[in-house]
Amino acid sequence: MATDSKPRIAVFSGPTATIQNSPPLLTSNKARAAAGLPLLTAADGTALRFDSVRAQRLAAPVTVYIDYLSAHPLERDADGLYAAPHGYLDAGGAFHEQQTGAADRAVYRVTLDPSDGLYMLPYMALQADGRAWDEACAFPLAPQEQARQTFYPDAHRIYEEIDRFGLDSNGKGCLLSNVAGFDFFRPAPSGGYKQGLVQAERTDAGTGDIAPEVIGRDFFLYYPQHLRAEPYLAALARATNVVKNALAGADYAGAQWLEGSPTTEESMYWLNLVIDTKVPLVGHSAQRPRQTISADGDRNIVDGVKYILSNIWKNGGESDLIGGVMIVDEQVFHSREVTKTDARPGNYQATGGHGGVVALMGGYAAPELTYIPTKRHTWSSEVNVTRMPSVVPGVHLTDGGIVESPVTIKDESGDLIPEMMPKVTISKYTRYGGSGPVPDPSCEVEIMARMRENLMTSPLAGFIGEGASPYGAMGKGADLALARAVFSGMPVVRCGRGATAGLATKNDPLFVAGSNLTSTKARVLLMASLLRLGALPPAKDPAHPTAEETAATRAKVAEYQKVFDTH
């Protein structure tokens, strides 16, 4: 897509990504008419004015004739500024270089070639049984074997379409390949090759053959909605390894991560914490699928490239001083503070009350920094994968009680082991939720059940207490139950509920104060911290810890607090 002299950018495809989705391919009326099928009609039953067109490839060169000065309603108003047409079509459709009669039609003549790239053309495909395609599936709620995918398997085709059809304000195209080259990776993609892929058969799918892929294991989509598949903890570990190894293995100017809009903020904060890189990590999402009216994803991608190549993130230095960001709607949000509040463009907001928009894209001008965050990130993060030990202490339940045991979290190559990812649960405070006038931790059945399950299945685990804003106070019964979790080896972070703008400060040495983090961001940081620090030292009797056990637990909690104070 670009020469070696241009900077290269790594592009990672994440899960359930509207920015990598398109409307279903519907059989055009041209194809329906040719097959004798009922036509698509307007709401009142009348014929559609136009057939929809979709980006497709020509199989062979074709000569077309274009109406002279038909690209804009006012071209003919300035016809004296234009060169003569290529020729004329007579009433029978024959082409002549000179006009032969008053009824001749002035035209341009051009040969379209497959090498020119994609063209917007009617969609001619029918179903195998001869029916038209009216949605993504062969019929409503069809099983996955009879459902087509609307998500792209990686971003290669998207970047090609942006190059082919996207224009800047001066009418120029090739907005991406003009400035950079791109390598495409599929750490947790939204679309997959259910039949596998032999690379020799395709030139647009990265490198190497791909084995048959399974929805919910290898790729994660949300449309068709009845086939939705969400990623899980092991998928996050595998995706982290892909990003880590890609950025360590090549000299990239930066990286772009594409994901579904409700969760890009979490993934970007995770990458901001755990990826040891000195180049920018940029996340993008979209509120509207590609080619729909006012689709926002393409502009976000172009802005991300613009940000990476601007080097403003260095602020005159040699390394990224900003950390992971999310670029949407011409704003650059720091990954720590950004939150989606509604499903429409322009409704990402900076949460936490202390900044969050680190740069503006500048419109037609160059991007401009607005401030530099003080928190550690990427190469300076104390919880990046490079700084994580291979083995950390974990806890599990035995017949003799809770015991500490080593947990290997990285393999010999330094990759995270997917099965060892920490389990962190959010417990939410609500008023009028207690069991009665006398607090009883045993009545907090959700916390107690999760704590026991963690001890049996997750040697690295913890809780987020999303309490009253801003200080993170929970109900007394919940506090007692979470304290029992702490003495069972599971760190607990307190933060305010909602989009808190205040600081959840330290008021109990047993609990980690979550500052101004939302509960979802606190969860991400606690997961990274567990991989760096391991479990808390368990008490023999978590309901009645000794003074020595309490002191040891407080000392380990203080280590966690230091991470939360600086990240």
Protein backbone atom coordinates (compact mmCIF):
# COMPACT_ATOMS: atom_id res chain seq x y z
CA MET A 1 0.00 0.00 0.00
CA ALA A 2 3.00 2.29 0.40
CA THR A 3 6.71 2.34 -0.33
CA ASP A 4 9.32 1.50 2.27
CA SER A 5 10.33 5.16 2.47
CA LYS A 6 7.08 6.03 4.20
CA PRO A 7 6.49 5.48 7.92
CA ARG A 8 4.57 2.33 8.76
CA ILE A 9 1.64 2.01 11.13
CA ALA A 10 0.35 -1.19 12.73
CA VAL A 11 -3.43 -1.58 12.59
CA PHE A 12 -5.13 -3.98 15.02
CA SER A 13 -8.69 -5.25 14.62
CA GLY A 14 -10.60 -5.58 17.87
CA PRO A 15 -14.00 -7.12 18.68
CA THR A 16 -17.58 -6.05 17.89
CA ALA A 17 -16.32 -3.06 15.93
CA THR A 18 -18.87 -0.87 14.15
CA ILE A 19 -15.92 0.91 12.58
CA GLN A 20 -15.24 -2.38 10.75
CA ASN A 21 -18.87 -3.13 9.95
CA SER A 22 -20.95 -2.45 6.86
CA PRO A 23 -24.67 -2.65 6.04
CA PRO A 24 -25.81 -6.06 4.73
CA LEU A 25 -25.29 -6.65 1.02
CA LEU A 26 -28.76 -6.60 -0.58
CA THR A 27 -29.41 -7.90 -4.06
CA SER A 28 -29.79 -4.97 -6.45
CA ASN A 29 -32.89 -4.35 -8.53
CA LYS A 30 -30.83 -4.92 -11.66
CA ALA A 31 -30.11 -8.46 -10.46
CA ARG A 32 -33.71 -8.97 -9.31
CA ALA A 33 -35.10 -7.82 -12.65
CA ALA A 34 -32.72 -10.09 -14.56
CA ALA A 35 -33.82 -13.05 -12.42
CA GLY A 36 -37.52 -12.20 -12.57
CA LEU A 37 -37.70 -11.50 -8.82
CA PRO A 38 -39.84 -8.85 -7.08
CA LEU A 39 -38.05 -5.52 -6.91
CA LEU A 40 -37.10 -3.57 -3.83
CA THR A 41 -39.60 -0.74 -3.43
CA ALA A 42 -40.10 2.42 -1.41
CA ALA A 43 -42.35 2.53 1.65
CA ASP A 44 -45.36 3.44 -0.50
CA GLY A 45 -44.76 0.51 -2.82
CA THR A 46 -43.38 2.52 -5.71
CA ALA A 47 -40.13 1.63 -7.45
CA LEU A 48 -36.91 2.86 -5.91
CA ARG A 49 -35.45 5.90 -7.62
CA PHE A 50 -31.95 4.42 -7.63
CA ASP A 51 -30.26 1.11 -7.07
CA SER A 52 -27.84 1.11 -4.16
CA VAL A 53 -24.25 0.57 -5.18
CA ARG A 54 -21.45 -1.17 -3.27
CA ALA A 55 -17.68 -1.18 -3.66
CA GLN A 56 -16.63 -4.06 -5.92
CA ARG A 57 -13.87 -5.04 -8.35
CA LEU A 58 -13.98 -5.16 -12.13
CA ALA A 59 -13.04 -8.47 -13.70
CA ALA A 60 -11.94 -6.97 -17.03
CA PRO A 61 -11.36 -3.55 -18.60
CA VAL A 62 -14.49 -1.77 -19.79
CA THR A 63 -14.96 1.43 -21.77
CA VAL A 64 -17.60 3.81 -20.42
CA TYR A 65 -18.95 7.12 -21.62
CA ILE A 66 -19.52 9.87 -19.08
CA ASP A 67 -21.86 12.77 -19.66
CA TYR A 68 -19.84 15.91 -20.32
CA LEU A 69 -19.71 18.29 -17.31
CA SER A 70 -22.05 16.17 -15.16
CA ALA A 71 -20.00 16.01 -11.93
CA HIS A 72 -21.52 19.18 -10.43
CA PRO A 73 -24.70 21.18 -11.13
CA LEU A 74 -22.69 24.33 -11.88
CA GLU A 75 -20.01 22.89 -14.15
CA ARG A 76 -21.87 24.05 -17.23
CA ASP A 77 -22.18 27.52 -15.71
CA ALA A 78 -18.41 27.76 -16.27
CA ASP A 79 -18.23 25.75 -19.46
CA GLY A 80 -15.88 28.29 -21.03
CA LEU A 81 -13.19 27.17 -18.59
CA TYR A 82 -13.28 23.55 -19.77
CA ALA A 83 -11.62 21.69 -22.62
CA ALA A 84 -13.81 20.15 -25.28
CA PRO A 85 -15.36 16.71 -24.69
CA HIS A 86 -13.66 13.56 -25.95
CA GLY A 87 -16.43 13.06 -28.46
CA TYR A 88 -20.13 12.51 -28.99
CA LEU A 89 -22.68 9.71 -28.88
CA ASP A 90 -25.26 9.75 -31.67
CA ALA A 91 -28.88 8.69 -31.22
CA GLY A 92 -27.92 5.07 -31.83
CA GLY A 93 -25.22 5.11 -29.15
CA ALA A 94 -22.26 5.15 -31.55
CA PHE A 95 -19.24 7.23 -30.56
CA HIS A 96 -17.81 9.92 -32.85
CA GLU A 97 -14.93 12.26 -32.19
CA GLN A 98 -16.81 15.04 -33.95
CA GLN A 99 -20.43 16.05 -33.52
CA THR A 100 -22.65 14.57 -36.27
CA GLY A 101 -25.99 16.11 -35.38
CA ALA A 102 -27.81 18.46 -33.03
CA ALA A 103 -29.05 15.53 -30.92
CA ASP A 104 -25.56 14.14 -30.28
CA ARG A 105 -24.51 13.85 -26.62
CA ALA A 106 -21.14 15.26 -25.52
CA VAL A 107 -19.18 12.71 -23.51
CA TYR A 108 -15.88 11.76 -21.98
CA ARG A 109 -14.57 8.32 -22.95
CA VAL A 110 -12.52 6.36 -20.44
CA THR A 111 -11.39 2.77 -20.03
CA LEU A 112 -11.86 1.44 -16.50
CA ASP A 113 -9.33 -1.20 -15.55
CA PRO A 114 -9.36 -3.70 -12.65
CA SER A 115 -6.02 -2.25 -11.52
CA ASP A 116 -7.70 1.12 -10.96
CA GLY A 117 -9.21 -0.21 -7.73
CA LEU A 118 -12.72 -0.60 -6.39
CA TYR A 119 -15.78 0.86 -8.11
CA MET A 120 -19.26 1.53 -6.78
CA LEU A 121 -21.46 -0.95 -8.65
CA PRO A 122 -24.85 -2.70 -8.28
CA TYR A 123 -24.72 -5.81 -6.10
CA MET A 124 -25.65 -8.74 -8.34
CA ALA A 125 -25.44 -11.75 -6.03
CA LEU A 126 -28.39 -14.08 -5.38
CA GLN A 127 -28.79 -16.86 -2.84
CA ALA A 128 -27.86 -20.39 -3.86
CA ASP A 129 -31.56 -21.27 -4.30
CA GLY A 130 -32.17 -18.28 -6.55
CA ARG A 131 -33.79 -15.98 -4.00
CA ALA A 132 -32.63 -12.42 -3.48
CA TRP A 133 -30.60 -11.37 -0.47
CA ASP A 134 -32.83 -9.18 1.70
CA GLU A 135 -30.64 -9.19 4.83
CA ALA A 136 -27.39 -10.68 6.11
CA CYS A 137 -28.97 -14.08 6.69
CA ALA A 138 -30.61 -16.44 4.23
CA PHE A 139 -33.78 -15.91 6.28
CA PRO A 140 -34.55 -14.13 9.57
CA LEU A 141 -32.74 -15.59 12.61
CA ALA A 142 -30.95 -18.15 10.46
CA PRO A 143 -28.19 -20.20 12.14
CA GLN A 144 -24.62 -19.13 11.53
CA GLU A 145 -24.23 -21.73 8.77
CA GLN A 146 -26.78 -19.73 6.75
CA ALA A 147 -25.65 -16.26 7.77
CA ARG A 148 -23.22 -13.96 6.00
CA GLN A 149 -20.87 -11.69 7.88
CA THR A 150 -21.06 -7.91 7.65
CA PHE A 151 -17.85 -7.26 9.58
CA TYR A 152 -14.51 -7.12 7.79
CA PRO A 153 -11.94 -9.73 8.91
CA ASP A 154 -9.28 -7.04 9.23
CA ALA A 155 -8.90 -3.39 8.29
CA HIS A 156 -7.11 -3.88 4.95
CA ARG A 157 -10.25 -3.43 2.83
CA ILE A 158 -11.41 -0.47 4.93
CA TYR A 159 -8.16 1.39 4.40
CA GLU A 160 -8.34 0.60 0.69
CA GLU A 161 -11.87 2.02 0.46
CA ILE A 162 -10.86 5.15 2.36
CA ASP A 163 -8.01 5.60 -0.11
CA ARG A 164 -10.27 4.96 -3.10
CA PHE A 165 -13.34 6.98 -2.17
CA GLY A 166 -12.30 9.37 0.59
CA LEU A 167 -11.51 12.99 -0.27
CA ASP A 168 -9.95 15.81 1.66
CA SER A 169 -11.40 19.32 1.55
CA ASN A 170 -9.34 20.07 -1.56
CA GLY A 171 -10.74 17.13 -3.48
CA LYS A 172 -7.64 14.95 -3.23
CA GLY A 173 -7.78 11.23 -2.47
CA CYS A 174 -5.41 8.45 -1.34
CA LEU A 175 -5.52 10.02 2.11
CA LEU A 176 -3.76 7.08 3.76
CA SER A 177 -1.29 5.60 1.27
CA ASN A 178 -0.03 9.08 0.40
CA VAL A 179 1.46 9.44 3.88
CA ALA A 180 2.10 5.98 5.36
CA GLY A 181 2.20 2.23 4.89
CA PHE A 182 0.13 -0.13 6.98
CA ASP A 183 0.39 -3.65 8.37
CA PHE A 184 -2.83 -5.31 9.48
CA PHE A 185 -3.23 -7.64 12.47
CA ARG A 186 -6.18 -9.60 13.83
CA PRO A 187 -5.75 -9.88 17.62
CA ALA A 188 -9.50 -10.18 18.33
CA PRO A 189 -11.27 -9.39 15.07
CA SER A 190 -14.96 -8.79 14.45
CA GLY A 191 -15.11 -11.00 11.35
CA GLY A 192 -13.52 -14.35 10.65
CA TYR A 193 -12.74 -16.96 8.02
CA LYS A 194 -15.12 -19.77 8.92
CA GLN A 195 -13.72 -21.88 6.08
CA GLY A 196 -10.14 -20.80 6.67
CA LEU A 197 -7.97 -19.00 4.16
CA VAL A 198 -5.14 -20.12 1.91
CA GLN A 199 -3.00 -17.02 1.53
CA ALA A 200 -2.04 -17.90 -2.04
CA GLU A 201 -5.69 -17.42 -3.00
CA ARG A 202 -5.90 -13.93 -1.56
CA THR A 203 -3.65 -10.89 -1.62
CA ASP A 204 -5.55 -8.72 0.86
CA ALA A 205 -5.48 -10.71 4.07
CA GLY A 206 -2.08 -10.20 5.62
CA THR A 207 0.43 -13.02 5.59
CA GLY A 208 0.19 -16.74 6.17
CA ASP A 209 -2.63 -19.25 5.89
CA ILE A 210 -5.53 -19.07 8.34
CA ALA A 211 -7.15 -22.19 9.77
CA PRO A 212 -10.96 -22.37 9.93
CA GLU A 213 -12.17 -19.93 12.56
CA VAL A 214 -15.01 -20.18 15.07
CA ILE A 215 -17.40 -17.42 16.16
CA GLY A 216 -16.89 -16.68 19.83
CA ARG A 217 -13.39 -18.12 19.90
CA ASP A 218 -11.49 -16.53 17.03
CA PHE A 219 -13.69 -13.56 16.14
CA PHE A 220 -16.38 -11.57 17.91
CA LEU A 221 -19.30 -9.87 16.16
CA TYR A 222 -22.64 -8.35 17.15
CA TYR A 223 -24.54 -8.58 13.86
CA PRO A 224 -26.65 -10.48 13.03
CA GLN A 225 -27.65 -9.79 16.61
CA HIS A 226 -28.77 -13.33 17.41
CA LEU A 227 -25.23 -14.52 16.65
CA ARG A 228 -23.48 -11.96 18.90
CA ALA A 229 -20.23 -13.19 20.45
CA GLU A 230 -18.38 -11.39 23.26
CA PRO A 231 -14.65 -11.77 23.93
CA TYR A 232 -13.47 -13.13 27.26
CA LEU A 233 -10.37 -12.88 29.47
CA ALA A 234 -8.27 -15.37 27.52
CA ALA A 235 -9.03 -13.42 24.33
CA LEU A 236 -7.69 -10.27 25.98
CA ALA A 237 -4.43 -12.03 26.83
CA ARG A 238 -4.02 -13.33 23.28
CA ALA A 239 -4.78 -9.88 21.85
CA THR A 240 -2.26 -8.31 24.21
CA ASN A 241 0.40 -10.73 23.02
CA VAL A 242 -0.32 -9.90 19.37
CA VAL A 243 0.03 -6.16 19.99
CA LYS A 244 3.13 -6.58 22.16
CA ASN A 245 4.95 -8.79 19.68
CA ALA A 246 3.98 -6.76 16.63
CA LEU A 247 5.27 -3.52 18.09
CA ALA A 248 8.42 -5.19 19.37
CA GLY A 249 9.16 -6.81 16.04
CA ALA A 250 9.07 -3.84 13.66
CA ASP A 251 9.86 -0.14 13.57
CA TYR A 252 6.37 1.35 13.57
CA ALA A 253 5.52 5.02 13.80
CA GLY A 254 2.47 4.12 15.88
CA ALA A 255 -0.48 1.78 16.19
CA GLN A 256 -4.23 2.00 15.66
CA TRP A 257 -6.74 -0.20 17.50
CA LEU A 258 -10.28 -0.57 16.10
CA GLU A 259 -13.06 -1.78 18.41
CA GLY A 260 -16.73 -1.46 19.27
CA SER A 261 -17.60 1.96 20.65
CA PRO A 262 -18.92 0.91 24.11
CA THR A 263 -15.66 -0.79 25.09
CA THR A 264 -12.78 0.80 23.18
CA GLU A 265 -12.07 2.94 26.24
CA GLU A 266 -11.34 -0.14 28.37
CA SER A 267 -9.14 -1.86 25.81
CA MET A 268 -7.17 1.30 25.17
CA TYR A 269 -6.56 1.88 28.88
CA TRP A 270 -5.42 -1.74 29.18
CA LEU A 271 -2.98 -1.34 26.28
CA ASN A 272 -1.89 2.00 27.75
CA LEU A 273 -0.93 0.14 30.93
CA VAL A 274 0.60 -3.09 29.65
CA ILE A 275 2.25 -2.42 26.25
CA ASP A 276 5.87 -1.36 26.58
CA THR A 277 6.25 0.95 23.60
CA LYS A 278 7.51 4.47 22.95
CA VAL A 279 5.21 5.12 20.00
CA PRO A 280 1.57 6.21 20.27
CA LEU A 281 -1.30 3.77 20.73
CA VAL A 282 -4.44 5.20 19.17
CA GLY A 283 -7.92 3.74 19.56
CA HIS A 284 -10.84 4.37 17.22
CA SER A 285 -14.51 3.45 17.12
CA ALA A 286 -17.56 4.53 15.16
CA GLN A 287 -21.21 5.07 15.94
CA ARG A 288 -22.40 4.26 12.42
CA PRO A 289 -21.42 1.44 10.04
CA ARG A 290 -19.42 2.15 6.91
CA GLN A 291 -21.21 3.70 3.91
CA THR A 292 -24.23 4.71 6.00
CA ILE A 293 -25.17 8.38 6.10
CA SER A 294 -22.63 10.40 8.13
CA ALA A 295 -20.53 7.34 8.91
CA ASP A 296 -17.83 8.64 11.27
CA GLY A 297 -15.29 5.82 11.32
CA ASP A 298 -13.30 6.75 8.22
CA ARG A 299 -12.60 10.27 9.48
CA ASN A 300 -11.54 8.92 12.86
CA ILE A 301 -9.04 6.59 11.17
CA VAL A 302 -7.60 9.38 9.01
CA ASP A 303 -7.31 11.61 12.09
CA GLY A 304 -5.46 8.83 13.91
CA VAL A 305 -2.88 8.63 11.13
CA LYS A 306 -2.61 12.42 11.19
CA TYR A 307 -1.98 12.37 14.96
CA ILE A 308 0.65 9.62 14.74
CA LEU A 309 2.58 11.34 11.95
CA SER A 310 2.35 14.79 13.59
CA ASN A 311 4.79 13.73 16.36
CA ILE A 312 3.08 16.15 18.76
CA TRP A 313 2.90 13.25 21.23
CA LYS A 314 6.69 13.59 21.67
CA ASN A 315 6.39 17.25 22.70
CA GLY A 316 9.94 17.79 21.47
CA GLY A 317 11.33 14.61 23.03
CA GLU A 318 12.10 11.16 21.68
CA SER A 319 9.27 9.07 23.18
CA ASP A 320 5.51 9.24 23.56
CA LEU A 321 4.70 11.48 26.53
CA ILE A 322 0.93 11.09 26.27
CA GLY A 323 0.20 7.36 26.34
CA GLY A 324 -2.74 5.50 24.88
CA VAL A 325 -5.41 7.77 23.43
CA MET A 326 -8.77 7.47 21.75
CA ILE A 327 -9.39 9.69 18.73
CA VAL A 328 -13.02 10.24 17.80
CA ASP A 329 -14.97 13.24 16.51
CA GLU A 330 -11.77 15.28 16.00
CA GLN A 331 -10.82 15.08 19.68
CA VAL A 332 -7.94 13.20 21.28
CA PHE A 333 -9.00 11.71 24.61
CA HIS A 334 -6.58 10.10 27.02
CA SER A 335 -7.54 6.46 27.44
CA ARG A 336 -7.69 6.81 31.23
CA GLU A 337 -10.44 9.42 31.23
CA VAL A 338 -12.58 8.82 28.13
CA THR A 339 -16.10 7.40 28.47
CA LYS A 340 -18.86 6.75 25.98
CA THR A 341 -22.18 8.18 27.16
CA ASP A 342 -24.48 7.61 24.19
CA ALA A 343 -24.59 5.95 20.77
CA ARG A 344 -24.13 9.02 18.61
CA PRO A 345 -21.12 10.91 17.26
CA GLY A 346 -19.86 13.60 19.61
CA ASN A 347 -20.89 11.86 22.79
CA TYR A 348 -17.58 10.64 24.14
CA GLN A 349 -16.75 12.63 27.22
CA ALA A 350 -13.79 13.15 29.50
CA THR A 351 -14.62 11.74 32.94
CA GLY A 352 -12.86 12.13 36.24
CA GLY A 353 -13.18 15.91 36.45
CA HIS A 354 -9.50 16.69 35.90
CA GLY A 355 -9.00 16.88 32.14
CA GLY A 356 -9.02 14.20 29.51
CA VAL A 357 -8.88 15.87 26.10
CA VAL A 358 -5.12 15.85 25.52
CA ALA A 359 -5.16 17.25 21.99
CA LEU A 360 -7.39 18.64 19.29
CA MET A 361 -7.09 17.54 15.69
CA GLY A 362 -7.05 21.14 14.49
CA GLY A 363 -9.60 20.80 11.69
CA TYR A 364 -7.68 21.87 8.59
CA ALA A 365 -4.66 22.81 10.70
CA ALA A 366 -2.11 20.59 12.43
CA PRO A 367 -3.06 18.74 15.65
CA GLU A 368 -2.27 20.59 18.86
CA LEU A 369 -1.61 19.33 22.39
CA THR A 370 -3.74 20.77 25.16
CA TYR A 371 -1.93 19.17 28.11
CA ILE A 372 0.39 16.31 29.01
CA PRO A 373 -0.95 13.70 31.48
CA THR A 374 1.05 13.05 34.64
CA LYS A 375 0.15 9.36 34.96
CA ARG A 376 2.53 6.56 33.96
CA HIS A 377 1.80 4.73 30.73
CA THR A 378 3.21 2.36 28.08
CA TRP A 379 7.04 2.46 28.36
CA SER A 380 6.94 4.16 31.79
CA SER A 381 4.17 1.98 33.23
CA GLU A 382 5.08 -0.09 36.27
CA VAL A 383 2.56 -2.72 35.17
CA ASN A 384 3.55 -3.20 31.54
CA VAL A 385 4.21 -6.75 30.38
CA THR A 386 7.97 -6.19 30.32
CA ARG A 387 7.95 -5.40 34.04
CA MET A 388 5.59 -8.22 34.98
CA PRO A 389 7.45 -11.15 36.54
CA SER A 390 6.95 -14.59 35.10
CA VAL A 391 5.63 -15.92 38.41
CA VAL A 392 3.52 -14.13 41.03
CA PRO A 393 1.85 -15.35 44.22
CA GLY A 394 -1.71 -16.56 43.91
CA VAL A 395 -4.20 -18.08 46.34
CA HIS A 396 -6.48 -21.09 46.29
CA LEU A 397 -8.73 -23.00 48.65
CA THR A 398 -7.67 -26.32 50.15
CA ASP A 399 -9.09 -28.56 52.85
CA GLY A 400 -6.79 -26.78 55.26
CA GLY A 401 -7.93 -23.30 54.27
CA ILE A 402 -6.66 -20.65 51.89
CA VAL A 403 -3.03 -21.07 50.90
CA GLU A 404 -0.61 -19.08 48.81
CA SER A 405 0.88 -20.74 45.73
CA PRO A 406 2.93 -19.53 42.75
CA VAL A 407 1.15 -18.64 39.51
CA THR A 408 3.05 -18.60 36.23
CA ILE A 409 1.58 -15.73 34.20
CA LYS A 410 4.09 -15.54 31.30
CA ASP A 411 5.56 -18.24 29.09
CA GLU A 412 9.20 -18.56 28.06
CA SER A 413 8.74 -16.06 25.22
CA GLY A 414 7.35 -13.43 27.57
CA ASP A 415 3.76 -13.74 26.38
CA LEU A 416 0.86 -13.67 28.82
CA ILE A 417 -0.67 -17.08 29.48
CA PRO A 418 -4.37 -16.67 28.62
CA GLU A 419 -5.64 -19.11 31.25
CA MET A 420 -3.96 -17.14 34.04
CA MET A 421 -5.67 -13.79 33.47
CA PRO A 422 -7.03 -12.28 36.70
CA LYS A 423 -10.74 -12.29 37.50
CA VAL A 424 -11.89 -8.89 38.75
CA THR A 425 -15.56 -8.35 39.64
CA ILE A 426 -17.41 -5.06 40.11
CA SER A 427 -19.69 -4.82 43.15
CA LYS A 428 -22.03 -1.84 42.95
CA TYR A 429 -23.36 0.14 45.91
CA THR A 430 -27.00 1.14 46.12
CA ARG A 431 -28.86 2.74 49.00
CA TYR A 432 -31.52 0.67 50.75
CA GLY A 433 -29.69 -2.47 49.80
CA GLY A 434 -28.55 -3.69 53.22
CA SER A 435 -29.89 -6.73 54.99
CA GLY A 436 -31.08 -4.93 58.13
CA PRO A 437 -29.98 -2.77 61.07
CA VAL A 438 -27.14 -5.16 61.95
CA PRO A 439 -24.62 -5.49 59.07
CA ASP A 440 -24.07 -9.11 58.10
CA PRO A 441 -21.45 -9.95 55.48
CA SER A 442 -23.02 -13.36 54.90
CA CYS A 443 -26.06 -11.60 53.44
CA GLU A 444 -23.84 -10.18 50.66
CA VAL A 445 -24.36 -13.40 48.74
CA GLU A 446 -23.04 -12.11 45.42
CA ILE A 447 -19.71 -11.09 46.97
CA MET A 448 -19.40 -14.19 49.13
CA ALA A 449 -20.26 -16.56 46.29
CA ARG A 450 -17.86 -14.87 43.89
CA MET A 451 -15.11 -14.92 46.53
CA ARG A 452 -15.52 -18.68 47.01
CA GLU A 453 -15.64 -19.30 43.26
CA ASN A 454 -12.47 -17.25 42.80
CA LEU A 455 -10.67 -19.34 45.38
CA MET A 456 -11.58 -22.47 43.46
CA THR A 457 -10.96 -21.29 39.88
CA SER A 458 -9.01 -18.00 39.77
CA PRO A 459 -5.78 -17.79 41.79
CA LEU A 460 -5.50 -14.12 40.82
CA ALA A 461 -8.71 -12.25 41.58
CA GLY A 462 -10.02 -9.04 43.08
CA PHE A 463 -13.02 -6.75 43.49
CA ILE A 464 -13.98 -3.21 42.57
CA GLY A 465 -16.33 -1.61 45.05
CA GLU A 466 -18.25 1.00 43.09
CA GLY A 467 -19.48 3.00 46.05
CA ALA A 468 -20.97 6.40 46.74
CA SER A 469 -19.39 9.21 44.76
CA PRO A 470 -16.75 10.37 45.22
CA TYR A 471 -15.27 8.47 48.16
CA GLY A 472 -16.30 4.96 47.24
CA ALA A 473 -18.09 4.15 50.49
CA MET A 474 -20.12 0.93 50.34
CA GLY A 475 -22.81 -0.36 52.67
CA LYS A 476 -21.43 -1.70 55.92
CA GLY A 477 -22.34 -5.29 55.12
CA ALA A 478 -20.63 -5.04 51.75
CA ASP A 479 -17.56 -3.48 53.36
CA LEU A 480 -17.34 -6.37 55.80
CA ALA A 481 -17.71 -8.91 52.98
CA LEU A 482 -15.07 -7.15 50.87
CA ALA A 483 -12.73 -7.00 53.86
CA ARG A 484 -13.08 -10.76 54.09
CA ALA A 485 -12.11 -10.93 50.41
CA VAL A 486 -9.01 -8.84 51.17
CA PHE A 487 -7.90 -11.29 53.87
CA SER A 488 -8.60 -14.11 51.41
CA GLY A 489 -5.92 -12.70 49.10
CA MET A 490 -8.09 -10.55 46.83
CA PRO A 491 -7.34 -6.81 46.63
CA VAL A 492 -10.34 -4.49 46.69
CA VAL A 493 -10.44 -1.07 45.04
CA ARG A 494 -12.95 1.57 46.06
CA CYS A 495 -14.13 4.14 43.54
CA GLY A 496 -17.12 6.40 43.12
CA ARG A 497 -20.11 5.26 41.12
CA GLY A 498 -21.02 6.79 37.79
CA ALA A 499 -18.75 9.22 35.98
CA THR A 500 -17.21 10.48 39.20
CA ALA A 501 -15.40 13.80 39.14
CA GLY A 502 -14.09 13.58 42.69
CA LEU A 503 -11.20 11.65 44.16
CA ALA A 504 -11.88 8.43 46.02
CA THR A 505 -9.21 9.09 48.63
CA LYS A 506 -7.56 6.69 51.03
CA ASN A 507 -9.64 6.25 54.19
CA ASP A 508 -9.12 2.58 55.00
CA PRO A 509 -5.71 0.85 54.89
CA LEU A 510 -7.33 -2.41 53.79
CA PHE A 511 -8.77 -0.99 50.58
CA VAL A 512 -7.11 0.59 47.57
CA ALA A 513 -8.41 4.07 46.79
CA GLY A 514 -9.39 4.35 43.13
CA SER A 515 -8.87 8.11 42.77
CA ASN A 516 -11.11 9.45 39.99
CA LEU A 517 -11.21 6.24 37.96
CA THR A 518 -14.54 4.84 36.88
CA SER A 519 -15.22 1.29 38.06
CA THR A 520 -14.50 -0.15 34.59
CA LYS A 521 -11.15 1.63 34.37
CA ALA A 522 -10.31 0.64 37.96
CA ARG A 523 -11.02 -2.97 37.01
CA VAL A 524 -8.55 -2.77 34.12
CA LEU A 525 -5.83 -1.31 36.34
CA LEU A 526 -6.44 -3.90 39.05
CA MET A 527 -6.10 -6.70 36.50
CA ALA A 528 -2.74 -5.34 35.38
CA SER A 529 -1.67 -4.82 39.00
CA LEU A 530 -2.51 -8.42 39.91
CA LEU A 531 -0.27 -9.62 37.09
CA ARG A 532 2.52 -7.39 38.40
CA LEU A 533 2.13 -7.86 42.17
CA GLY A 534 0.19 -11.08 42.66
CA ALA A 535 -2.39 -11.87 45.31
CA LEU A 536 -2.47 -10.41 48.81
CA PRO A 537 -1.15 -12.66 51.62
CA PRO A 538 -4.16 -14.67 52.87
CA ALA A 539 -5.08 -14.92 56.52
CA LYS A 540 -5.62 -18.30 58.10
CA ASP A 541 -9.09 -17.16 59.15
CA PRO A 542 -10.20 -14.30 56.85
CA ALA A 543 -13.01 -13.39 59.24
CA HIS A 544 -10.59 -12.98 62.16
CA PRO A 545 -7.10 -12.05 60.93
CA THR A 546 -4.28 -11.71 63.43
CA ALA A 547 -2.37 -8.48 63.99
CA GLU A 548 0.58 -9.87 62.07
CA GLU A 549 -1.62 -10.94 59.15
CA THR A 550 -3.31 -7.54 59.12
CA ALA A 551 0.04 -5.77 59.00
CA ALA A 552 1.25 -7.96 56.12
CA THR A 553 -1.94 -7.35 54.18
CA ARG A 554 -1.77 -3.59 54.70
CA ALA A 555 1.82 -3.53 53.46
CA LYS A 556 0.86 -5.35 50.24
CA VAL A 557 -2.21 -3.12 49.77
CA ALA A 558 0.14 -0.14 49.99
CA GLU A 559 2.03 -1.50 46.97
CA TYR A 560 -1.22 -1.62 45.05
CA GLN A 561 -2.04 1.90 46.21
CA LYS A 562 1.23 3.19 44.81
CA VAL A 563 0.28 1.82 41.38
CA PHE A 564 -3.19 3.37 41.55
CA ASP A 565 -1.74 6.71 42.61
CA THR A 566 0.58 6.84 39.60
CA HIS A 567 -1.33 5.20 36.71
